[in-house]
């Protein structure tokens, strides 16, 4: 039972839950900080979560190297575009 509770999947799921709470908390406190900084931080947390989901739950972790590169490239491209959009919108 202990091995099920502390399996890799369970630990990553718990990290995803904590990251969701973190980004929700940052979104609730937008008035206390600069909106751009909070928005960029939320985007970064979101794409860390996306990477966990892609590599762990979609099982790309055990896939060929080119799939790792495509996954990481997609994450970097989309998060970069979103962060650029947030920073330009000011």
PDB file of N, CA and C in Angstrom:
ATOM      1  N   UNK A   1       0.821  -1.197   0.000  1.00  0.00           N
ATOM      2  CA  UNK A   1       0.000   0.000   0.000  1.00  0.00           C
ATOM      3  C   UNK A   1       0.867   1.263   0.000  1.00  0.00           C
ATOM      4  N   UNK A   2       1.955   1.219   0.769  1.00  0.00           N
ATOM      5  CA  UNK A   2       2.844   2.371   0.853  1.00  0.00           C
ATOM      6  C   UNK A   2       3.489   2.670  -0.500  1.00  0.00           C
ATOM      7  N   UNK A   3       3.816   1.633  -1.255  1.00  0.00           N
ATOM      8  CA  UNK A   3       4.424   1.859  -2.561  1.00  0.00           C
ATOM      9  C   UNK A   3       3.439   2.503  -3.530  1.00  0.00           C
ATOM     10  N   UNK A   4       2.153   2.230  -3.365  1.00  0.00           N
ATOM     11  CA  UNK A   4       1.135   2.855  -4.203  1.00  0.00           C
ATOM     12  C   UNK A   4       0.981   4.326  -3.850  1.00  0.00           C
ATOM     13  N   UNK A   5       1.017   4.627  -2.564  1.00  0.00           N
ATOM     14  CA  UNK A   5       0.846   6.010  -2.125  1.00  0.00           C
ATOM     15  C   UNK A   5       2.013   6.875  -2.583  1.00  0.00           C
ATOM     16  N   UNK A   6       3.234   6.355  -2.501  1.00  0.00           N
ATOM     17  CA  UNK A   6       4.402   7.137  -2.867  1.00  0.00           C
ATOM     18  C   UNK A   6       4.971   6.751  -4.230  1.00  0.00           C
ATOM     19  N   UNK A   7       4.111   6.286  -5.129  1.00  0.00           N
ATOM     20  CA  UNK A   7       4.582   5.973  -6.474  1.00  0.00           C
ATOM     21  C   UNK A   7       4.880   7.284  -7.218  1.00  0.00           C
ATOM     22  N   UNK A   8       5.614   7.182  -8.288  1.00  0.00           N
ATOM     23  CA  UNK A   8       5.977   8.351  -9.091  1.00  0.00           C
ATOM     24  C   UNK A   8       4.739   9.105  -9.565  1.00  0.00           C
ATOM     25  N   UNK A   9       3.736   8.376 -10.015  1.00  0.00           N
ATOM     26  CA  UNK A   9       2.512   8.984 -10.515  1.00  0.00           C
ATOM     27  C   UNK A   9       1.791   9.758  -9.424  1.00  0.00           C
ATOM     28  N   UNK A  10       1.727   9.191  -8.229  1.00  0.00           N
ATOM     29  CA  UNK A  10       1.039   9.854  -7.131  1.00  0.00           C
ATOM     30  C   UNK A  10       1.773  11.128  -6.713  1.00  0.00           C
ATOM     31  N   UNK A  11       3.079  11.067  -6.638  1.00  0.00           N
ATOM     32  CA  UNK A  11       3.859  12.244  -6.253  1.00  0.00           C
ATOM     33  C   UNK A  11       3.695  13.349  -7.296  1.00  0.00           C
ATOM     34  N   UNK A  12       3.720  12.992  -8.560  1.00  0.00           N
ATOM     35  CA  UNK A  12       3.547  13.996  -9.615  1.00  0.00           C
ATOM     36  C   UNK A  12       2.137  14.568  -9.570  1.00  0.00           C
ATOM     37  N   UNK A  13       1.149  13.734  -9.316  1.00  0.00           N
ATOM     38  CA  UNK A  13      -0.228  14.218  -9.184  1.00  0.00           C
ATOM     39  C   UNK A  13      -0.325  15.216  -8.034  1.00  0.00           C
ATOM     40  N   UNK A  14       0.311  14.911  -6.913  1.00  0.00           N
ATOM     41  CA  UNK A  14       0.297  15.843  -5.778  1.00  0.00           C
ATOM     42  C   UNK A  14       0.987  17.160  -6.144  1.00  0.00           C
ATOM     43  N   UNK A  15       2.095  17.099  -6.876  1.00  0.00           N
ATOM     44  CA  UNK A  15       2.761  18.321  -7.338  1.00  0.00           C
ATOM     45  C   UNK A  15       1.849  19.138  -8.253  1.00  0.00           C
ATOM     46  N   UNK A  16       1.090  18.464  -9.104  1.00  0.00           N
ATOM     47  CA  UNK A  16       0.149  19.161  -9.980  1.00  0.00           C
ATOM     48  C   UNK A  16      -0.943  19.857  -9.172  1.00  0.00           C
ATOM     49  N   UNK A  17      -1.422  19.198  -8.132  1.00  0.00           N
ATOM     50  CA  UNK A  17      -2.446  19.797  -7.264  1.00  0.00           C
ATOM     51  C   UNK A  17      -1.878  21.025  -6.556  1.00  0.00           C
ATOM     52  N   UNK A  18      -0.660  20.915  -6.036  1.00  0.00           N
ATOM     53  CA  UNK A  18      -0.019  22.053  -5.365  1.00  0.00           C
ATOM     54  C   UNK A  18       0.204  23.200  -6.351  1.00  0.00           C
ATOM     55  N   UNK A  19       0.642  22.887  -7.552  1.00  0.00           N
ATOM     56  CA  UNK A  19       0.867  23.922  -8.565  1.00  0.00           C
ATOM     57  C   UNK A  19      -0.439  24.604  -8.955  1.00  0.00           C
ATOM     58  N   UNK A  20      -1.529  23.855  -9.004  1.00  0.00           N
ATOM     59  CA  UNK A  20      -2.833  24.450  -9.286  1.00  0.00           C
ATOM     60  C   UNK A  20      -3.221  25.420  -8.182  1.00  0.00           C
ATOM     61  N   UNK A  21      -3.030  25.011  -6.941  1.00  0.00           N
ATOM     62  CA  UNK A  21      -3.316  25.903  -5.815  1.00  0.00           C
ATOM     63  C   UNK A  21      -2.433  27.143  -5.841  1.00  0.00           C
ATOM     64  N   UNK A  22      -1.174  26.973  -6.190  1.00  0.00           N
ATOM     65  CA  UNK A  22      -0.247  28.097  -6.274  1.00  0.00           C
ATOM     66  C   UNK A  22      -0.695  29.099  -7.335  1.00  0.00           C
ATOM     67  N   UNK A  23      -1.019  28.616  -8.524  1.00  0.00           N
ATOM     68  CA  UNK A  23      -1.436  29.535  -9.586  1.00  0.00           C
ATOM     69  C   UNK A  23      -2.784  30.179  -9.262  1.00  0.00           C
ATOM     70  N   UNK A  24      -3.675  29.447  -8.618  1.00  0.00           N
ATOM     71  CA  UNK A  24      -4.956  30.026  -8.199  1.00  0.00           C
ATOM     72  C   UNK A  24      -4.715  31.126  -7.183  1.00  0.00           C
ATOM     73  N   UNK A  25      -3.842  30.866  -6.217  1.00  0.00           N
ATOM     74  CA  UNK A  25      -3.522  31.867  -5.205  1.00  0.00           C
ATOM     75  C   UNK A  25      -2.892  33.110  -5.805  1.00  0.00           C
ATOM     76  N   UNK A  26      -2.004  32.923  -6.778  1.00  0.00           N
ATOM     77  CA  UNK A  26      -1.397  34.080  -7.443  1.00  0.00           C
ATOM     78  C   UNK A  26      -2.460  34.881  -8.189  1.00  0.00           C
ATOM     79  N   UNK A  27      -3.400  34.190  -8.817  1.00  0.00           N
ATOM     80  CA  UNK A  27      -4.464  34.873  -9.544  1.00  0.00           C
ATOM     81  C   UNK A  27      -5.400  35.639  -8.637  1.00  0.00           C
ATOM     82  N   UNK A  28      -5.596  35.159  -7.430  1.00  0.00           N
ATOM     83  CA  UNK A  28      -6.453  35.841  -6.470  1.00  0.00           C
ATOM     84  C   UNK A  28      -5.791  37.088  -5.903  1.00  0.00           C
ATOM     85  N   UNK A  29      -4.471  37.118  -5.863  1.00  0.00           N
ATOM     86  CA  UNK A  29      -3.750  38.249  -5.290  1.00  0.00           C
ATOM     87  C   UNK A  29      -3.228  39.221  -6.316  1.00  0.00           C
ATOM     88  N   UNK A  30      -3.868  39.296  -7.484  1.00  0.00           N
ATOM     89  CA  UNK A  30      -3.367  40.143  -8.569  1.00  0.00           C
ATOM     90  C   UNK A  30      -3.305  41.605  -8.145  1.00  0.00           C
ATOM     91  N   UNK A  31      -4.223  42.065  -7.343  1.00  0.00           N
ATOM     92  CA  UNK A  31      -4.231  43.464  -6.933  1.00  0.00           C
ATOM     93  C   UNK A  31      -3.015  43.851  -6.108  1.00  0.00           C
ATOM     94  N   UNK A  32      -2.369  42.873  -5.486  1.00  0.00           N
ATOM     95  CA  UNK A  32      -1.232  43.157  -4.613  1.00  0.00           C
ATOM     96  C   UNK A  32       0.071  43.298  -5.394  1.00  0.00           C
ATOM     97  N   UNK A  33       0.116  42.780  -6.603  1.00  0.00           N
ATOM     98  CA  UNK A  33       1.348  42.784  -7.393  1.00  0.00           C
ATOM     99  C   UNK A  33       1.058  43.311  -8.788  1.00  0.00           C
ATOM    100  N   UNK A  34       2.108  43.499  -9.547  1.00  0.00           N
ATOM    101  CA  UNK A  34       1.968  43.900 -10.934  1.00  0.00           C
ATOM    102  C   UNK A  34       1.296  42.771 -11.720  1.00  0.00           C
ATOM    103  N   UNK A  35       0.305  43.105 -12.498  1.00  0.00           N
ATOM    104  CA  UNK A  35      -0.464  42.106 -13.243  1.00  0.00           C
ATOM    105  C   UNK A  35       0.423  41.341 -14.222  1.00  0.00           C
ATOM    106  N   UNK A  36       1.366  42.014 -14.855  1.00  0.00           N
ATOM    107  CA  UNK A  36       2.243  41.337 -15.814  1.00  0.00           C
ATOM    108  C   UNK A  36       3.106  40.287 -15.135  1.00  0.00           C
ATOM    109  N   UNK A  37       3.666  40.618 -13.995  1.00  0.00           N
ATOM    110  CA  UNK A  37       4.524  39.673 -13.285  1.00  0.00           C
ATOM    111  C   UNK A  37       3.728  38.450 -12.863  1.00  0.00           C
ATOM    112  N   UNK A  38       2.544  38.672 -12.334  1.00  0.00           N
ATOM    113  CA  UNK A  38       1.700  37.557 -11.899  1.00  0.00           C
ATOM    114  C   UNK A  38       1.275  36.720 -13.099  1.00  0.00           C
ATOM    115  N   UNK A  39       0.930  37.370 -14.199  1.00  0.00           N
ATOM    116  CA  UNK A  39       0.517  36.639 -15.399  1.00  0.00           C
ATOM    117  C   UNK A  39       1.638  35.754 -15.925  1.00  0.00           C
ATOM    118  N   UNK A  40       2.849  36.287 -15.980  1.00  0.00           N
ATOM    119  CA  UNK A  40       3.988  35.497 -16.445  1.00  0.00           C
ATOM    120  C   UNK A  40       4.251  34.333 -15.491  1.00  0.00           C
ATOM    121  N   UNK A  41       4.159  34.581 -14.192  1.00  0.00           N
ATOM    122  CA  UNK A  41       4.369  33.508 -13.212  1.00  0.00           C
ATOM    123  C   UNK A  41       3.325  32.409 -13.366  1.00  0.00           C
ATOM    124  N   UNK A  42       2.077  32.785 -13.600  1.00  0.00           N
ATOM    125  CA  UNK A  42       1.013  31.795 -13.785  1.00  0.00           C
ATOM    126  C   UNK A  42       1.253  30.991 -15.065  1.00  0.00           C
ATOM    127  N   UNK A  43       1.692  31.650 -16.130  1.00  0.00           N
ATOM    128  CA  UNK A  43       1.994  30.943 -17.383  1.00  0.00           C
ATOM    129  C   UNK A  43       3.126  29.952 -17.166  1.00  0.00           C
ATOM    130  N   UNK A  44       4.151  30.351 -16.433  1.00  0.00           N
ATOM    131  CA  UNK A  44       5.273  29.444 -16.177  1.00  0.00           C
ATOM    132  C   UNK A  44       4.818  28.242 -15.369  1.00  0.00           C
ATOM    133  N   UNK A  45       4.030  28.466 -14.317  1.00  0.00           N
ATOM    134  CA  UNK A  45       3.518  27.346 -13.511  1.00  0.00           C
ATOM    135  C   UNK A  45       2.659  26.432 -14.371  1.00  0.00           C
ATOM    136  N   UNK A  46       1.840  27.024 -15.221  1.00  0.00           N
ATOM    137  CA  UNK A  46       0.967  26.238 -16.094  1.00  0.00           C
ATOM    138  C   UNK A  46       1.772  25.345 -17.031  1.00  0.00           C
ATOM    139  N   UNK A  47       2.833  25.878 -17.615  1.00  0.00           N
ATOM    140  CA  UNK A  47       3.601  25.068 -18.548  1.00  0.00           C
ATOM    141  C   UNK A  47       4.509  24.061 -17.860  1.00  0.00           C
ATOM    142  N   UNK A  48       4.847  24.289 -16.612  1.00  0.00           N
ATOM    143  CA  UNK A  48       5.507  23.234 -15.834  1.00  0.00           C
ATOM    144  C   UNK A  48       4.521  22.082 -15.645  1.00  0.00           C
ATOM    145  N   UNK A  49       3.269  22.432 -15.353  1.00  0.00           N
ATOM    146  CA  UNK A  49       2.232  21.400 -15.227  1.00  0.00           C
ATOM    147  C   UNK A  49       2.024  20.671 -16.557  1.00  0.00           C
ATOM    148  N   UNK A  50       2.007  21.419 -17.648  1.00  0.00           N
ATOM    149  CA  UNK A  50       1.838  20.812 -18.973  1.00  0.00           C
ATOM    150  C   UNK A  50       2.964  19.817 -19.248  1.00  0.00           C
ATOM    151  N   UNK A  51       4.181  20.193 -18.879  1.00  0.00           N
ATOM    152  CA  UNK A  51       5.322  19.295 -19.107  1.00  0.00           C
ATOM    153  C   UNK A  51       5.164  18.012 -18.298  1.00  0.00           C
ATOM    154  N   UNK A  52       4.741  18.136 -17.041  1.00  0.00           N
ATOM    155  CA  UNK A  52       4.499  16.936 -16.237  1.00  0.00           C
ATOM    156  C   UNK A  52       3.443  16.045 -16.885  1.00  0.00           C
ATOM    157  N   UNK A  53       2.365  16.637 -17.344  1.00  0.00           N
ATOM    158  CA  UNK A  53       1.289  15.838 -17.946  1.00  0.00           C
ATOM    159  C   UNK A  53       1.770  15.162 -19.220  1.00  0.00           C
ATOM    160  N   UNK A  54       2.438  15.909 -20.083  1.00  0.00           N
ATOM    161  CA  UNK A  54       2.904  15.336 -21.342  1.00  0.00           C
ATOM    162  C   UNK A  54       3.911  14.208 -21.110  1.00  0.00           C
ATOM    163  N   UNK A  55       4.881  14.447 -20.256  1.00  0.00           N
ATOM    164  CA  UNK A  55       5.956  13.476 -20.097  1.00  0.00           C
ATOM    165  C   UNK A  55       5.604  12.323 -19.169  1.00  0.00           C
ATOM    166  N   UNK A  56       4.745  12.542 -18.202  1.00  0.00           N
ATOM    167  CA  UNK A  56       4.436  11.476 -17.248  1.00  0.00           C
ATOM    168  C   UNK A  56       3.133  10.753 -17.585  1.00  0.00           C
ATOM    169  N   UNK A  57       2.053  11.504 -17.767  1.00  0.00           N
ATOM    170  CA  UNK A  57       0.759  10.863 -17.955  1.00  0.00           C
ATOM    171  C   UNK A  57       0.483  10.481 -19.401  1.00  0.00           C
ATOM    172  N   UNK A  58       1.144  11.134 -20.349  1.00  0.00           N
ATOM    173  CA  UNK A  58       1.034  10.736 -21.749  1.00  0.00           C
ATOM    174  C   UNK A  58       2.196   9.823 -22.131  1.00  0.00           C
ATOM    175  N   UNK A  59       3.039   9.526 -21.156  1.00  0.00           N
ATOM    176  CA  UNK A  59       4.139   8.569 -21.255  1.00  0.00           C
ATOM    177  C   UNK A  59       5.147   8.889 -22.346  1.00  0.00           C
ATOM    178  N   UNK A  60       5.430  10.169 -22.533  1.00  0.00           N
ATOM    179  CA  UNK A  60       6.465  10.567 -23.483  1.00  0.00           C
ATOM    180  C   UNK A  60       7.854  10.371 -22.859  1.00  0.00           C
ATOM    181  N   UNK A  61       7.913  10.242 -21.550  1.00  0.00           N
ATOM    182  CA  UNK A  61       9.196  10.062 -20.856  1.00  0.00           C
ATOM    183  C   UNK A  61       9.967   8.860 -21.397  1.00  0.00           C
ATOM    184  N   UNK A  62       9.266   7.796 -21.756  1.00  0.00           N
ATOM    185  CA  UNK A  62       9.921   6.602 -22.264  1.00  0.00           C
ATOM    186  C   UNK A  62       9.971   6.537 -23.777  1.00  0.00           C
ATOM    187  N   UNK A  63       9.568   7.612 -24.433  1.00  0.00           N
ATOM    188  CA  UNK A  63       9.503   7.646 -25.898  1.00  0.00           C
ATOM    189  C   UNK A  63      10.870   8.002 -26.490  1.00  0.00           C
ATOM    190  N   UNK A  64      10.985   7.897 -27.808  1.00  0.00           N
ATOM    191  CA  UNK A  64      12.243   8.261 -28.472  1.00  0.00           C
ATOM    192  C   UNK A  64      12.621   9.733 -28.237  1.00  0.00           C
ATOM    193  N   UNK A  65      13.893  10.016 -28.425  1.00  0.00           N
ATOM    194  CA  UNK A  65      14.433  11.351 -28.169  1.00  0.00           C
ATOM    195  C   UNK A  65      13.725  12.425 -28.987  1.00  0.00           C
ATOM    196  N   UNK A  66      13.379  12.128 -30.230  1.00  0.00           N
ATOM    197  CA  UNK A  66      12.748  13.143 -31.065  1.00  0.00           C
ATOM    198  C   UNK A  66      11.398  13.577 -30.486  1.00  0.00           C
ATOM    199  N   UNK A  67      10.705  12.659 -29.811  1.00  0.00           N
ATOM    200  CA  UNK A  67       9.433  13.032 -29.183  1.00  0.00           C
ATOM    201  C   UNK A  67       9.671  13.950 -27.983  1.00  0.00           C
ATOM    202  N   UNK A  68      10.746  13.712 -27.262  1.00  0.00           N
ATOM    203  CA  UNK A  68      11.107  14.607 -26.156  1.00  0.00           C
ATOM    204  C   UNK A  68      11.351  16.010 -26.696  1.00  0.00           C
ATOM    205  N   UNK A  69      12.103  16.071 -27.773  1.00  0.00           N
ATOM    206  CA  UNK A  69      12.431  17.372 -28.357  1.00  0.00           C
ATOM    207  C   UNK A  69      11.196  18.084 -28.884  1.00  0.00           C
ATOM    208  N   UNK A  70      10.310  17.355 -29.528  1.00  0.00           N
ATOM    209  CA  UNK A  70       9.070  17.960 -30.034  1.00  0.00           C
ATOM    210  C   UNK A  70       8.224  18.456 -28.863  1.00  0.00           C
ATOM    211  N   UNK A  71       8.094  17.645 -27.821  1.00  0.00           N
ATOM    212  CA  UNK A  71       7.314  18.045 -26.649  1.00  0.00           C
ATOM    213  C   UNK A  71       7.892  19.275 -25.974  1.00  0.00           C
ATOM    214  N   UNK A  72       9.196  19.262 -25.729  1.00  0.00           N
ATOM    215  CA  UNK A  72       9.835  20.417 -25.109  1.00  0.00           C
ATOM    216  C   UNK A  72       9.783  21.646 -26.008  1.00  0.00           C
ATOM    217  N   UNK A  73       9.961  21.437 -27.300  1.00  0.00           N
ATOM    218  CA  UNK A  73       9.895  22.553 -28.247  1.00  0.00           C
ATOM    219  C   UNK A  73       8.518  23.192 -28.270  1.00  0.00           C
ATOM    220  N   UNK A  74       7.484  22.367 -28.265  1.00  0.00           N
ATOM    221  CA  UNK A  74       6.121  22.887 -28.259  1.00  0.00           C
ATOM    222  C   UNK A  74       5.859  23.695 -26.991  1.00  0.00           C
ATOM    223  N   UNK A  75       6.295  23.159 -25.864  1.00  0.00           N
ATOM    224  CA  UNK A  75       6.105  23.858 -24.588  1.00  0.00           C
ATOM    225  C   UNK A  75       6.832  25.201 -24.610  1.00  0.00           C
ATOM    226  N   UNK A  76       8.068  25.210 -25.056  1.00  0.00           N
ATOM    227  CA  UNK A  76       8.847  26.451 -25.096  1.00  0.00           C
ATOM    228  C   UNK A  76       8.238  27.460 -26.074  1.00  0.00           C
ATOM    229  N   UNK A  77       7.810  26.993 -27.238  1.00  0.00           N
ATOM    230  CA  UNK A  77       7.237  27.891 -28.235  1.00  0.00           C
ATOM    231  C   UNK A  77       5.955  28.542 -27.734  1.00  0.00           C
ATOM    232  N   UNK A  78       5.020  27.740 -27.275  1.00  0.00           N
ATOM    233  CA  UNK A  78       3.724  28.275 -26.860  1.00  0.00           C
ATOM    234  C   UNK A  78       3.857  29.139 -25.612  1.00  0.00           C
ATOM    235  N   UNK A  79       4.634  28.685 -24.634  1.00  0.00           N
ATOM    236  CA  UNK A  79       4.792  29.506 -23.426  1.00  0.00           C
ATOM    237  C   UNK A  79       5.524  30.806 -23.752  1.00  0.00           C
ATOM    238  N   UNK A  80       6.524  30.742 -24.626  1.00  0.00           N
ATOM    239  CA  UNK A  80       7.226  31.955 -25.047  1.00  0.00           C
ATOM    240  C   UNK A  80       6.310  32.938 -25.747  1.00  0.00           C
ATOM    241  N   UNK A  81       5.456  32.424 -26.632  1.00  0.00           N
ATOM    242  CA  UNK A  81       4.501  33.291 -27.325  1.00  0.00           C
ATOM    243  C   UNK A  81       3.510  33.932 -26.352  1.00  0.00           C
ATOM    244  N   UNK A  82       3.020  33.149 -25.407  1.00  0.00           N
ATOM    245  CA  UNK A  82       2.082  33.699 -24.425  1.00  0.00           C
ATOM    246  C   UNK A  82       2.735  34.735 -23.517  1.00  0.00           C
ATOM    247  N   UNK A  83       3.944  34.458 -23.075  1.00  0.00           N
ATOM    248  CA  UNK A  83       4.655  35.416 -22.217  1.00  0.00           C
ATOM    249  C   UNK A  83       4.948  36.696 -22.996  1.00  0.00           C
ATOM    250  N   UNK A  84       5.357  36.554 -24.251  1.00  0.00           N
ATOM    251  CA  UNK A  84       5.606  37.730 -25.092  1.00  0.00           C
ATOM    252  C   UNK A  84       4.344  38.541 -25.249  1.00  0.00           C
ATOM    253  N   UNK A  85       3.231  37.871 -25.467  1.00  0.00           N
ATOM    254  CA  UNK A  85       1.935  38.558 -25.630  1.00  0.00           C
ATOM    255  C   UNK A  85       1.568  39.322 -24.365  1.00  0.00           C
ATOM    256  N   UNK A  86       1.785  38.720 -23.219  1.00  0.00           N
ATOM    257  CA  UNK A  86       1.462  39.394 -21.951  1.00  0.00           C
ATOM    258  C   UNK A  86       2.351  40.621 -21.764  1.00  0.00           C
ATOM    259  N   UNK A  87       3.627  40.490 -22.067  1.00  0.00           N
ATOM    260  CA  UNK A  87       4.551  41.598 -21.866  1.00  0.00           C
ATOM    261  C   UNK A  87       4.349  42.737 -22.869  1.00  0.00           C
ATOM    262  N   UNK A  88       3.930  42.407 -24.085  1.00  0.00           N
ATOM    263  CA  UNK A  88       3.687  43.430 -25.101  1.00  0.00           C
ATOM    264  C   UNK A  88       2.373  44.166 -24.843  1.00  0.00           C
ATOM    265  N   UNK A  89       1.429  43.507 -24.216  1.00  0.00           N
ATOM    266  CA  UNK A  89       0.097  44.082 -24.002  1.00  0.00           C
ATOM    267  C   UNK A  89       0.108  45.296 -23.090  1.00  0.00           C
ATOM    268  N   UNK A  90       1.196  45.535 -22.398  1.00  0.00           N
ATOM    269  CA  UNK A  90       1.239  46.648 -21.433  1.00  0.00           C
ATOM    270  C   UNK A  90       1.242  47.933 -22.113  1.00  0.00           C
TER     271      UNK A  90
END
